[in-house]
Amino acid sequence: MVAGNVQELLSKTFAHLPELEEAVGRLKEIERLHLAGNLIILPDYLFARRGSWVLRYEGQEAILDGNLKGPVYLRYLLQRPGQPVHVARMLADLVGDERIDAASDAGDLIDEDAVQACRQRISELEAGEPTEAARIEIDAIRQYLKGAIGLGGRPRKGGDDVSKLRRRIAKAIDLACEKIEASAPLLARHLRASINAHTLMSYEPDRQIDWIFH
């Protein structure tokens, strides 16, 4: 008797199996369409600051500490493919004060007016809205002043200091590439092959890459 009931139940279940499968299929399709409508599609080539640095390259993603300086320099160079930039020019652009570049080849690396302009800019940024962009600029200004001003608050000499700046920036870039390699080895390989970390720094990719920056 029990066996007969079980057999009857199984027969009814299997009889409705095609309908159940069809219903499940419809639900999955509805779910897929719903997700597609709300899905944030990340670009293939992304360089973003969202508290942490978020980098995407050919399906691989690296997330780096937002306090790292290397990505600041990398982003600057990646935004200017094929354009060699003097290290002092790059720092001047990050700081936003063209006068800092005036003595990159000889003499003092920075003059008193530029020092005051940098400090004033830091005060303006600290008094404003505490955005990520503001923090990046403040970090860049402070790092530049640290390298440009020697003992006793006197400006360092340009020739020697430019060499030190180049080495410091190159070291920061190398550290960033090491961090990137852990989760995005293709990107680390690409950067090492494409970044020229000389006094004239540049990003020379072997093809056009449409980076998205945030």
C-alpha atoms as a PDB file:
ATOM      1  CA  MET A   1       0.000   0.000   0.000  1.00  0.00           C
ATOM      2  CA  VAL A   2       2.751   2.377   0.997  1.00  0.00           C
ATOM      3  CA  ALA A   3       4.764   1.426  -2.031  1.00  0.00           C
ATOM      4  CA  GLY A   4       1.778   2.161  -4.226  1.00  0.00           C
ATOM      5  CA  ASN A   5       1.312   5.626  -2.727  1.00  0.00           C
ATOM      6  CA  VAL A   6       4.980   6.462  -3.187  1.00  0.00           C
ATOM      7  CA  GLN A   7       4.868   5.302  -6.795  1.00  0.00           C
ATOM      8  CA  GLU A   8       1.744   7.402  -7.432  1.00  0.00           C
ATOM      9  CA  LEU A   9       3.418  10.473  -5.853  1.00  0.00           C
ATOM     10  CA  LEU A  10       6.544  10.023  -7.934  1.00  0.00           C
ATOM     11  CA  SER A  11       4.465   9.629 -11.093  1.00  0.00           C
ATOM     12  CA  LYS A  12       2.641  12.902 -10.424  1.00  0.00           C
ATOM     13  CA  THR A  13       5.913  14.690  -9.631  1.00  0.00           C
ATOM     14  CA  PHE A  14       7.610  13.530 -12.825  1.00  0.00           C
ATOM     15  CA  ALA A  15       4.485  14.376 -14.805  1.00  0.00           C
ATOM     16  CA  HIS A  16       4.814  18.008 -13.753  1.00  0.00           C
ATOM     17  CA  LEU A  17       8.622  18.120 -14.030  1.00  0.00           C
ATOM     18  CA  PRO A  18       8.692  19.834 -17.476  1.00  0.00           C
ATOM     19  CA  GLU A  19       6.381  22.551 -16.163  1.00  0.00           C
ATOM     20  CA  LEU A  20       8.568  23.058 -13.087  1.00  0.00           C
ATOM     21  CA  GLU A  21      11.701  23.285 -15.211  1.00  0.00           C
ATOM     22  CA  GLU A  22      10.029  25.832 -17.469  1.00  0.00           C
ATOM     23  CA  ALA A  23       8.954  27.908 -14.465  1.00  0.00           C
ATOM     24  CA  VAL A  24      12.447  27.833 -12.991  1.00  0.00           C
ATOM     25  CA  GLY A  25      13.854  28.893 -16.344  1.00  0.00           C
ATOM     26  CA  ARG A  26      11.478  31.860 -16.501  1.00  0.00           C
ATOM     27  CA  LEU A  27      12.444  32.927 -12.980  1.00  0.00           C
ATOM     28  CA  LYS A  28      16.127  32.758 -13.827  1.00  0.00           C
ATOM     29  CA  GLU A  29      15.592  34.871 -16.936  1.00  0.00           C
ATOM     30  CA  ILE A  30      13.643  37.471 -14.932  1.00  0.00           C
ATOM     31  CA  GLU A  31      16.451  37.540 -12.361  1.00  0.00           C
ATOM     32  CA  ARG A  32      19.085  37.918 -15.097  1.00  0.00           C
ATOM     33  CA  LEU A  33      17.239  40.842 -16.685  1.00  0.00           C
ATOM     34  CA  HIS A  34      16.761  42.477 -13.299  1.00  0.00           C
ATOM     35  CA  LEU A  35      20.451  42.207 -12.457  1.00  0.00           C
ATOM     36  CA  ALA A  36      21.454  43.472 -15.887  1.00  0.00           C
ATOM     37  CA  GLY A  37      19.342  46.559 -15.361  1.00  0.00           C
ATOM     38  CA  ASN A  38      21.134  47.334 -12.102  1.00  0.00           C
ATOM     39  CA  LEU A  39      24.601  46.062 -12.932  1.00  0.00           C
ATOM     40  CA  ILE A  40      27.531  48.462 -12.788  1.00  0.00           C
ATOM     41  CA  ILE A  41      29.772  47.446 -15.668  1.00  0.00           C
ATOM     42  CA  LEU A  42      33.386  48.289 -14.857  1.00  0.00           C
ATOM     43  CA  PRO A  43      35.607  49.421 -17.737  1.00  0.00           C
ATOM     44  CA  ASP A  44      38.387  47.139 -18.939  1.00  0.00           C
ATOM     45  CA  TYR A  45      41.048  49.754 -18.170  1.00  0.00           C
ATOM     46  CA  LEU A  46      40.331  51.616 -14.944  1.00  0.00           C
ATOM     47  CA  PHE A  47      42.490  53.788 -12.674  1.00  0.00           C
ATOM     48  CA  ALA A  48      40.399  55.077  -9.783  1.00  0.00           C
ATOM     49  CA  ARG A  49      40.743  56.397  -6.247  1.00  0.00           C
ATOM     50  CA  ARG A  50      37.893  55.239  -3.999  1.00  0.00           C
ATOM     51  CA  GLY A  51      39.552  55.476  -0.633  1.00  0.00           C
ATOM     52  CA  SER A  52      41.823  52.738  -1.934  1.00  0.00           C
ATOM     53  CA  TRP A  53      43.330  52.710  -5.409  1.00  0.00           C
ATOM     54  CA  VAL A  54      41.336  50.468  -7.767  1.00  0.00           C
ATOM     55  CA  LEU A  55      43.064  49.406 -10.984  1.00  0.00           C
ATOM     56  CA  ARG A  56      41.676  47.149 -13.708  1.00  0.00           C
ATOM     57  CA  TYR A  57      43.535  45.801 -16.710  1.00  0.00           C
ATOM     58  CA  GLU A  58      42.454  43.065 -19.114  1.00  0.00           C
ATOM     59  CA  GLY A  59      40.185  41.314 -16.622  1.00  0.00           C
ATOM     60  CA  GLN A  60      42.538  41.593 -13.650  1.00  0.00           C
ATOM     61  CA  GLU A  61      42.027  43.954 -10.729  1.00  0.00           C
ATOM     62  CA  ALA A  62      44.381  45.357  -8.097  1.00  0.00           C
ATOM     63  CA  ILE A  63      43.334  47.225  -4.970  1.00  0.00           C
ATOM     64  CA  LEU A  64      46.099  49.248  -3.318  1.00  0.00           C
ATOM     65  CA  ASP A  65      46.439  51.249  -0.127  1.00  0.00           C
ATOM     66  CA  GLY A  66      45.131  54.749  -0.774  1.00  0.00           C
ATOM     67  CA  ASN A  67      48.172  56.238   0.994  1.00  0.00           C
ATOM     68  CA  LEU A  68      50.646  54.905  -1.574  1.00  0.00           C
ATOM     69  CA  LYS A  69      52.373  57.655  -3.566  1.00  0.00           C
ATOM     70  CA  GLY A  70      53.342  55.488  -6.545  1.00  0.00           C
ATOM     71  CA  PRO A  71      49.821  55.401  -8.027  1.00  0.00           C
ATOM     72  CA  VAL A  72      49.733  59.223  -7.957  1.00  0.00           C
ATOM     73  CA  TYR A  73      52.712  59.325 -10.317  1.00  0.00           C
ATOM     74  CA  LEU A  74      51.459  56.404 -12.384  1.00  0.00           C
ATOM     75  CA  ARG A  75      48.088  58.024 -12.958  1.00  0.00           C
ATOM     76  CA  TYR A  76      49.763  61.290 -13.978  1.00  0.00           C
ATOM     77  CA  LEU A  77      51.906  59.497 -16.584  1.00  0.00           C
ATOM     78  CA  LEU A  78      49.099  57.264 -17.850  1.00  0.00           C
ATOM     79  CA  GLN A  79      47.033  60.375 -18.518  1.00  0.00           C
ATOM     80  CA  ARG A  80      49.818  61.598 -20.855  1.00  0.00           C
ATOM     81  CA  PRO A  81      50.842  58.661 -23.067  1.00  0.00           C
ATOM     82  CA  GLY A  82      53.852  59.368 -25.259  1.00  0.00           C
ATOM     83  CA  GLN A  83      54.624  62.696 -23.545  1.00  0.00           C
ATOM     84  CA  PRO A  84      58.016  62.855 -21.756  1.00  0.00           C
ATOM     85  CA  VAL A  85      57.780  65.049 -18.656  1.00  0.00           C
ATOM     86  CA  HIS A  86      60.608  66.336 -16.485  1.00  0.00           C
ATOM     87  CA  VAL A  87      60.278  65.140 -12.880  1.00  0.00           C
ATOM     88  CA  ALA A  88      60.151  68.742 -11.659  1.00  0.00           C
ATOM     89  CA  ARG A  89      57.461  69.533 -14.225  1.00  0.00           C
ATOM     90  CA  MET A  90      55.405  66.584 -13.044  1.00  0.00           C
ATOM     91  CA  LEU A  91      55.663  67.689  -9.429  1.00  0.00           C
ATOM     92  CA  ALA A  92      54.836  71.251 -10.422  1.00  0.00           C
ATOM     93  CA  ASP A  93      51.684  70.005 -12.162  1.00  0.00           C
ATOM     94  CA  LEU A  94      50.685  67.990  -9.122  1.00  0.00           C
ATOM     95  CA  VAL A  95      51.261  70.975  -6.888  1.00  0.00           C
ATOM     96  CA  GLY A  96      49.621  73.395  -9.307  1.00  0.00           C
ATOM     97  CA  ASP A  97      52.385  76.015  -9.159  1.00  0.00           C
ATOM     98  CA  GLU A  98      54.379  76.518 -12.364  1.00  0.00           C
ATOM     99  CA  ARG A  99      57.113  78.483 -10.594  1.00  0.00           C
ATOM    100  CA  ILE A 100      58.354  75.315  -8.917  1.00  0.00           C
ATOM    101  CA  ASP A 101      59.683  74.208 -12.304  1.00  0.00           C
ATOM    102  CA  ALA A 102      61.749  77.362 -12.833  1.00  0.00           C
ATOM    103  CA  ALA A 103      64.976  76.021 -11.335  1.00  0.00           C
ATOM    104  CA  SER A 104      64.866  72.354 -12.300  1.00  0.00           C
ATOM    105  CA  ASP A 105      68.157  72.403 -14.214  1.00  0.00           C
ATOM    106  CA  ALA A 106      70.314  74.685 -12.086  1.00  0.00           C
ATOM    107  CA  GLY A 107      70.262  76.771  -8.923  1.00  0.00           C
ATOM    108  CA  ASP A 108      67.699  76.372  -6.166  1.00  0.00           C
ATOM    109  CA  LEU A 109      64.935  73.879  -6.822  1.00  0.00           C
ATOM    110  CA  ILE A 110      62.357  76.189  -5.274  1.00  0.00           C
ATOM    111  CA  ASP A 111      62.232  79.882  -4.310  1.00  0.00           C
ATOM    112  CA  GLU A 112      60.627  81.558  -1.321  1.00  0.00           C
ATOM    113  CA  ASP A 113      57.603  82.744  -3.301  1.00  0.00           C
ATOM    114  CA  ALA A 114      56.901  79.197  -4.434  1.00  0.00           C
ATOM    115  CA  VAL A 115      57.299  77.909  -0.870  1.00  0.00           C
ATOM    116  CA  GLN A 116      54.726  80.425   0.347  1.00  0.00           C
ATOM    117  CA  ALA A 117      52.407  79.553  -2.546  1.00  0.00           C
ATOM    118  CA  CYS A 118      52.626  75.865  -1.643  1.00  0.00           C
ATOM    119  CA  ARG A 119      51.886  76.499   2.010  1.00  0.00           C
ATOM    120  CA  GLN A 120      48.981  78.758   1.137  1.00  0.00           C
ATOM    121  CA  ARG A 121      47.561  76.098  -1.154  1.00  0.00           C
ATOM    122  CA  ILE A 122      47.780  73.510   1.629  1.00  0.00           C
ATOM    123  CA  SER A 123      45.896  75.874   3.961  1.00  0.00           C
ATOM    124  CA  GLU A 124      43.198  76.408   1.320  1.00  0.00           C
ATOM    125  CA  LEU A 125      42.768  72.690   0.769  1.00  0.00           C
ATOM    126  CA  GLU A 126      42.657  71.903   4.499  1.00  0.00           C
ATOM    127  CA  ALA A 127      40.023  74.592   5.012  1.00  0.00           C
ATOM    128  CA  GLY A 128      37.852  73.249   2.202  1.00  0.00           C
ATOM    129  CA  GLU A 129      35.895  70.061   1.726  1.00  0.00           C
ATOM    130  CA  PRO A 130      37.989  66.979   2.695  1.00  0.00           C
ATOM    131  CA  THR A 131      37.777  65.184  -0.658  1.00  0.00           C
ATOM    132  CA  GLU A 132      40.085  62.481  -1.977  1.00  0.00           C
ATOM    133  CA  ALA A 133      41.370  64.863  -4.667  1.00  0.00           C
ATOM    134  CA  ALA A 134      42.268  67.415  -1.986  1.00  0.00           C
ATOM    135  CA  ARG A 135      44.125  64.793   0.051  1.00  0.00           C
ATOM    136  CA  ILE A 136      46.114  63.691  -2.987  1.00  0.00           C
ATOM    137  CA  GLU A 137      47.129  67.270  -3.765  1.00  0.00           C
ATOM    138  CA  ILE A 138      48.089  67.985  -0.145  1.00  0.00           C
ATOM    139  CA  ASP A 139      50.237  64.833  -0.045  1.00  0.00           C
ATOM    140  CA  ALA A 140      51.947  65.807  -3.291  1.00  0.00           C
ATOM    141  CA  ILE A 141      52.687  69.352  -2.101  1.00  0.00           C
ATOM    142  CA  ARG A 142      54.090  68.174   1.226  1.00  0.00           C
ATOM    143  CA  GLN A 143      56.223  65.526  -0.442  1.00  0.00           C
ATOM    144  CA  TYR A 144      57.599  68.097  -2.855  1.00  0.00           C
ATOM    145  CA  LEU A 145      58.398  70.600  -0.104  1.00  0.00           C
ATOM    146  CA  LYS A 146      60.104  67.875   1.895  1.00  0.00           C
ATOM    147  CA  GLY A 147      62.395  67.173  -1.042  1.00  0.00           C
ATOM    148  CA  ALA A 148      62.895  70.796  -2.089  1.00  0.00           C
ATOM    149  CA  ILE A 149      63.766  72.322   1.292  1.00  0.00           C
ATOM    150  CA  GLY A 150      66.936  71.314   3.108  1.00  0.00           C
ATOM    151  CA  LEU A 151      68.329  71.913   6.594  1.00  0.00           C
ATOM    152  CA  GLY A 152      67.497  75.265   8.122  1.00  0.00           C
ATOM    153  CA  GLY A 153      64.620  75.744   5.694  1.00  0.00           C
ATOM    154  CA  ARG A 154      66.983  76.605   2.831  1.00  0.00           C
ATOM    155  CA  PRO A 155      66.155  75.416  -0.715  1.00  0.00           C
ATOM    156  CA  ARG A 156      68.226  72.529  -1.988  1.00  0.00           C
ATOM    157  CA  LYS A 157      70.266  72.941  -5.153  1.00  0.00           C
ATOM    158  CA  GLY A 158      68.482  71.916  -8.316  1.00  0.00           C
ATOM    159  CA  GLY A 159      70.921  69.524  -9.965  1.00  0.00           C
ATOM    160  CA  ASP A 160      71.442  67.254  -6.966  1.00  0.00           C
ATOM    161  CA  ASP A 161      67.863  67.372  -5.819  1.00  0.00           C
ATOM    162  CA  VAL A 162      66.363  66.565  -9.212  1.00  0.00           C
ATOM    163  CA  SER A 163      68.373  63.346  -9.190  1.00  0.00           C
ATOM    164  CA  LYS A 164      67.113  62.507  -5.706  1.00  0.00           C
ATOM    165  CA  LEU A 165      63.542  63.305  -6.708  1.00  0.00           C
ATOM    166  CA  ARG A 166      63.819  61.037  -9.734  1.00  0.00           C
ATOM    167  CA  ARG A 167      65.077  58.168  -7.592  1.00  0.00           C
ATOM    168  CA  ARG A 168      62.358  58.682  -5.004  1.00  0.00           C
ATOM    169  CA  ILE A 169      59.599  58.767  -7.610  1.00  0.00           C
ATOM    170  CA  ALA A 170      61.044  55.721  -9.394  1.00  0.00           C
ATOM    171  CA  LYS A 171      61.150  53.852  -6.073  1.00  0.00           C
ATOM    172  CA  ALA A 172      57.519  54.749  -5.362  1.00  0.00           C
ATOM    173  CA  ILE A 173      56.505  53.509  -8.806  1.00  0.00           C
ATOM    174  CA  ASP A 174      58.469  50.268  -8.331  1.00  0.00           C
ATOM    175  CA  LEU A 175      56.741  49.669  -4.988  1.00  0.00           C
ATOM    176  CA  ALA A 176      53.329  50.218  -6.574  1.00  0.00           C
ATOM    177  CA  CYS A 177      54.168  47.724  -9.339  1.00  0.00           C
ATOM    178  CA  GLU A 178      55.192  45.145  -6.730  1.00  0.00           C
ATOM    179  CA  LYS A 179      51.849  45.565  -4.978  1.00  0.00           C
ATOM    180  CA  ILE A 180      49.958  45.382  -8.276  1.00  0.00           C
ATOM    181  CA  GLU A 181      51.744  42.201  -9.329  1.00  0.00           C
ATOM    182  CA  ALA A 182      50.170  40.212  -6.487  1.00  0.00           C
ATOM    183  CA  SER A 183      46.685  40.334  -8.037  1.00  0.00           C
ATOM    184  CA  ALA A 184      47.138  41.873 -11.498  1.00  0.00           C
ATOM    185  CA  PRO A 185      50.420  40.541 -12.943  1.00  0.00           C
ATOM    186  CA  LEU A 186      49.447  41.557 -16.486  1.00  0.00           C
ATOM    187  CA  LEU A 187      49.132  45.170 -15.410  1.00  0.00           C
ATOM    188  CA  ALA A 188      52.409  45.084 -13.477  1.00  0.00           C
ATOM    189  CA  ARG A 189      54.177  43.694 -16.548  1.00  0.00           C
ATOM    190  CA  HIS A 190      52.584  46.324 -18.762  1.00  0.00           C
ATOM    191  CA  LEU A 191      53.619  49.189 -16.479  1.00  0.00           C
ATOM    192  CA  ARG A 192      57.187  47.980 -16.120  1.00  0.00           C
ATOM    193  CA  ALA A 193      57.507  47.722 -19.882  1.00  0.00           C
ATOM    194  CA  SER A 194      55.840  51.080 -20.572  1.00  0.00           C
ATOM    195  CA  ILE A 195      57.024  53.471 -17.839  1.00  0.00           C
ATOM    196  CA  ASN A 196      60.337  55.253 -18.365  1.00  0.00           C
ATOM    197  CA  ALA A 197      61.403  56.410 -14.902  1.00  0.00           C
ATOM    198  CA  HIS A 198      64.250  58.691 -15.959  1.00  0.00           C
ATOM    199  CA  THR A 199      64.640  62.425 -15.373  1.00  0.00           C
ATOM    200  CA  LEU A 200      62.284  62.772 -18.324  1.00  0.00           C
ATOM    201  CA  MET A 201      59.550  60.375 -17.284  1.00  0.00           C
ATOM    202  CA  SER A 202      56.977  58.987 -19.700  1.00  0.00           C
ATOM    203  CA  TYR A 203      54.390  56.317 -20.383  1.00  0.00           C
ATOM    204  CA  GLU A 204      55.051  54.614 -23.728  1.00  0.00           C
ATOM    205  CA  PRO A 205      52.498  51.825 -24.287  1.00  0.00           C
ATOM    206  CA  ASP A 206      52.889  49.568 -27.308  1.00  0.00           C
ATOM    207  CA  ARG A 207      49.275  50.259 -28.291  1.00  0.00           C
ATOM    208  CA  GLN A 208      46.520  52.741 -27.561  1.00  0.00           C
ATOM    209  CA  ILE A 209      44.758  52.026 -24.270  1.00  0.00           C
ATOM    210  CA  ASP A 210      41.604  53.923 -23.369  1.00  0.00           C
ATOM    211  CA  TRP A 211      42.092  54.350 -19.637  1.00  0.00           C
ATOM    212  CA  ILE A 212      39.176  55.546 -17.529  1.00  0.00           C
ATOM    213  CA  PHE A 213      40.237  57.744 -14.617  1.00  0.00           C
ATOM    214  CA  HIS A 214      38.200  58.548 -11.514  1.00  0.00           C
END
